[in-house]
Amino acid sequence: MKDSPSGLQPVEASAGALFSDALAHCARCSGRSSEAVLDRLRACDAEMHGTFRYALAKGLGEYLGGLGLPFRAIYVYGSAMSQTSSPCSDIDILLDLEHPTDCVDRLIRGLDVALVTQFRALFAWAECLTTLLDVKTISVAKTGSRHSGRFSSLGTSPVCLWRFPPETGVLQPEDPRRSLAISAR
């Protein structure tokens, strides 16, 4: 099993770095410059906001997954997956935890404040944002089968961004096999 590096230290992820990575992702997917992506985000383009929020979720998943326990899996669902995001949409995240902990709650709140602050600095319309992350947690006892039940929003099911498979003890990022191509307008 991987050594747990964290104890969930204060927010080490830079909101600026997460935003830069998300912009770079959107630029690659759309074949545009980062400045052109920012222009589309400022123009409230729903498709670009969905892709941008997905890329932010992916970056968050990689960051949280790198912290070690208590994270078992990290999922995204909702408007970021259906590309129906509005400029004030949140990012729907589902965390599968080994065990619930107040440290995770504090960490998520810190990340949320940092991301909202970054949004407000970049986008004049972002005053409507009071929170960017809508995080739900689950903690399911290990059984012979995967999780039971359904969790969905806006007609989308959660897509795994990162998972720690206890069988192999190897961290493996998940590929949602989601087309992120942005149509030219």
Protein backbone atom coordinates (compact mmCIF):
# COMPACT_ATOMS: atom_id res chain seq x y z
CA MET A 1 0.00 0.00 0.00
CA LYS A 2 1.17 3.55 -0.74
CA ASP A 3 2.51 5.57 2.17
CA SER A 4 0.09 8.32 3.08
CA PRO A 5 2.00 11.58 2.62
CA SER A 6 -0.65 13.92 3.71
CA GLY A 7 -2.50 13.98 6.91
CA LEU A 8 -4.28 16.39 4.56
CA GLN A 9 -2.06 19.41 5.00
CA PRO A 10 -3.38 22.92 4.26
CA VAL A 11 -4.19 23.68 0.66
CA GLU A 12 -1.00 23.17 -1.31
CA ALA A 13 -2.64 23.22 -4.72
CA SER A 14 -2.40 26.61 -6.33
CA ALA A 15 -5.72 27.80 -7.72
CA GLY A 16 -3.70 29.74 -10.31
CA ALA A 17 -1.91 26.56 -11.41
CA LEU A 18 -5.20 24.63 -11.59
CA PHE A 19 -6.68 27.43 -13.73
CA SER A 20 -3.62 27.57 -16.00
CA ASP A 21 -3.75 23.82 -16.54
CA ALA A 22 -7.50 23.97 -17.26
CA LEU A 23 -6.98 26.81 -19.76
CA ALA A 24 -4.19 24.86 -21.46
CA HIS A 25 -6.49 21.82 -21.67
CA CYS A 26 -9.27 23.91 -23.24
CA ALA A 27 -6.80 25.47 -25.68
CA ARG A 28 -5.54 22.03 -26.78
CA CYS A 29 -9.08 20.69 -27.19
CA SER A 30 -10.36 23.69 -29.11
CA GLY A 31 -7.28 24.49 -31.16
CA ARG A 32 -7.36 28.04 -29.80
CA SER A 33 -4.95 30.11 -27.75
CA SER A 34 -5.43 30.40 -23.99
CA GLU A 35 -6.43 34.04 -24.51
CA ALA A 36 -9.11 32.97 -27.02
CA VAL A 37 -10.37 30.44 -24.47
CA LEU A 38 -10.54 33.19 -21.83
CA ASP A 39 -12.49 35.35 -24.30
CA ARG A 40 -15.03 32.54 -24.80
CA LEU A 41 -15.30 32.03 -21.04
CA ARG A 42 -15.82 35.77 -20.55
CA ALA A 43 -18.51 35.64 -23.27
CA CYS A 44 -20.28 32.99 -21.16
CA ASP A 45 -19.95 30.18 -23.73
CA ALA A 46 -21.67 27.18 -22.06
CA GLU A 47 -19.68 24.55 -23.93
CA MET A 48 -16.36 26.14 -23.00
CA HIS A 49 -17.48 26.51 -19.37
CA GLY A 50 -18.32 22.79 -19.30
CA THR A 51 -14.92 21.84 -20.69
CA PHE A 52 -13.17 24.27 -18.37
CA ARG A 53 -14.98 22.91 -15.32
CA TYR A 54 -14.22 19.34 -16.36
CA ALA A 55 -10.52 20.26 -16.68
CA LEU A 56 -10.59 21.90 -13.23
CA ALA A 57 -12.21 18.76 -11.80
CA LYS A 58 -9.54 16.61 -13.44
CA GLY A 59 -6.80 18.76 -11.89
CA LEU A 60 -8.48 18.60 -8.50
CA GLY A 61 -8.80 14.83 -8.83
CA GLU A 62 -5.09 14.46 -9.54
CA TYR A 63 -4.22 16.73 -6.62
CA LEU A 64 -6.54 15.05 -4.12
CA GLY A 65 -5.55 11.57 -5.32
CA GLY A 66 -1.90 12.44 -4.75
CA LEU A 67 -2.61 13.13 -1.08
CA GLY A 68 -3.11 9.44 -0.35
CA LEU A 69 -5.60 8.08 2.14
CA PRO A 70 -8.49 8.61 2.84
CA PHE A 71 -9.25 9.02 -0.90
CA ARG A 72 -10.26 5.85 -2.77
CA ALA A 73 -11.83 7.41 -5.87
CA ILE A 74 -12.78 10.81 -7.23
CA TYR A 75 -15.65 11.36 -9.67
CA VAL A 76 -17.16 14.27 -11.61
CA TYR A 77 -20.77 14.49 -12.80
CA GLY A 78 -23.39 17.08 -13.68
CA SER A 79 -23.08 20.05 -16.01
CA ALA A 80 -19.31 19.71 -16.42
CA MET A 81 -19.96 16.36 -18.07
CA SER A 82 -22.96 17.39 -20.14
CA GLN A 83 -21.33 20.69 -21.20
CA THR A 84 -24.40 22.64 -20.11
CA SER A 85 -22.53 24.77 -17.59
CA SER A 86 -23.48 28.37 -17.10
CA PRO A 87 -20.88 30.86 -15.90
CA CYS A 88 -22.16 30.47 -12.34
CA SER A 89 -22.42 26.66 -12.39
CA ASP A 90 -20.64 24.70 -9.72
CA ILE A 91 -18.48 21.63 -10.25
CA ASP A 92 -20.14 18.45 -8.97
CA ILE A 93 -17.58 16.15 -7.36
CA LEU A 94 -18.12 12.83 -5.63
CA LEU A 95 -15.39 11.61 -3.27
CA ASP A 96 -15.21 7.95 -2.29
CA LEU A 97 -13.43 7.98 1.07
CA GLU A 98 -11.87 5.18 3.06
CA HIS A 99 -13.39 6.88 6.09
CA PRO A 100 -15.07 10.27 6.57
CA THR A 101 -12.90 12.95 8.15
CA ASP A 102 -13.17 16.61 9.11
CA CYS A 103 -9.75 17.16 7.51
CA VAL A 104 -11.26 16.43 4.08
CA ASP A 105 -14.07 18.92 4.71
CA ARG A 106 -11.57 21.65 5.71
CA LEU A 107 -9.37 20.88 2.71
CA ILE A 108 -12.30 21.09 0.28
CA ARG A 109 -13.51 24.37 1.82
CA GLY A 110 -10.01 25.85 1.44
CA LEU A 111 -9.79 24.74 -2.17
CA ASP A 112 -13.26 26.12 -2.86
CA VAL A 113 -12.39 29.56 -1.46
CA ALA A 114 -9.16 29.64 -3.48
CA LEU A 115 -10.97 28.69 -6.71
CA VAL A 116 -13.81 31.19 -6.21
CA THR A 117 -11.23 33.91 -5.53
CA GLN A 118 -9.43 33.00 -8.77
CA PHE A 119 -12.71 33.05 -10.72
CA ARG A 120 -13.61 36.46 -9.35
CA ALA A 121 -10.17 37.82 -10.29
CA LEU A 122 -10.52 36.62 -13.89
CA PHE A 123 -14.20 37.15 -14.65
CA ALA A 124 -16.22 40.29 -13.90
CA TRP A 125 -19.49 38.33 -13.87
CA ALA A 126 -18.19 35.91 -11.19
CA GLU A 127 -19.67 37.94 -8.33
CA CYS A 128 -22.58 35.47 -8.53
CA LEU A 129 -20.25 32.68 -7.37
CA THR A 130 -20.24 31.99 -3.67
CA THR A 131 -18.98 28.45 -4.09
CA LEU A 132 -17.54 26.54 -7.03
CA LEU A 133 -17.27 23.02 -5.63
CA ASP A 134 -20.34 20.94 -4.80
CA VAL A 135 -18.73 17.96 -3.14
CA LYS A 136 -20.57 14.88 -1.95
CA THR A 137 -18.78 12.12 -0.09
CA ILE A 138 -19.45 8.43 0.18
CA SER A 139 -17.75 5.83 2.30
CA VAL A 140 -18.72 2.30 1.38
CA ALA A 141 -17.45 -0.72 3.26
CA LYS A 142 -15.39 -3.02 1.06
CA THR A 143 -17.40 -5.95 -0.20
CA GLY A 144 -16.96 -8.36 -3.04
CA SER A 145 -18.72 -5.99 -5.42
CA ARG A 146 -18.41 -2.35 -6.41
CA HIS A 147 -20.71 0.36 -5.12
CA SER A 148 -24.40 -0.17 -5.37
CA GLY A 149 -27.00 2.46 -6.10
CA ARG A 150 -27.06 5.34 -8.50
CA PHE A 151 -25.91 8.90 -8.25
CA SER A 152 -26.60 11.26 -11.11
CA SER A 153 -27.36 14.85 -11.94
CA LEU A 154 -28.61 16.53 -15.10
CA GLY A 155 -28.82 13.12 -16.73
CA THR A 156 -25.13 12.36 -16.22
CA SER A 157 -23.65 9.57 -14.15
CA PRO A 158 -20.39 10.10 -12.28
CA VAL A 159 -17.22 9.53 -14.27
CA CYS A 160 -14.15 8.39 -12.36
CA LEU A 161 -11.23 10.81 -12.60
CA TRP A 162 -8.92 8.91 -10.27
CA ARG A 163 -9.00 5.66 -8.33
CA PHE A 164 -6.77 3.80 -5.90
CA PRO A 165 -7.25 0.07 -6.54
CA PRO A 166 -6.42 -1.73 -3.30
CA GLU A 167 -5.86 -4.98 -5.17
CA THR A 168 -2.69 -3.72 -6.87
CA GLY A 169 -1.65 -0.89 -4.57
CA VAL A 170 -0.84 1.24 -7.63
CA LEU A 171 -2.29 4.68 -8.17
CA GLN A 172 -4.03 4.84 -11.54
CA PRO A 173 -5.56 7.92 -13.11
CA GLU A 174 -8.80 7.11 -14.91
CA ASP A 175 -9.52 8.06 -18.51
CA PRO A 176 -13.17 9.04 -18.83
CA ARG A 177 -12.97 8.58 -22.61
CA ARG A 178 -14.97 11.75 -22.95
CA SER A 179 -14.80 13.78 -26.10
CA LEU A 180 -13.84 17.30 -25.18
CA ALA A 181 -13.75 18.69 -28.68
CA ILE A 182 -15.19 22.15 -28.79
CA SER A 183 -17.01 23.12 -31.91
CA ALA A 184 -15.77 26.18 -33.74
CA ARG A 185 -18.17 29.07 -33.67
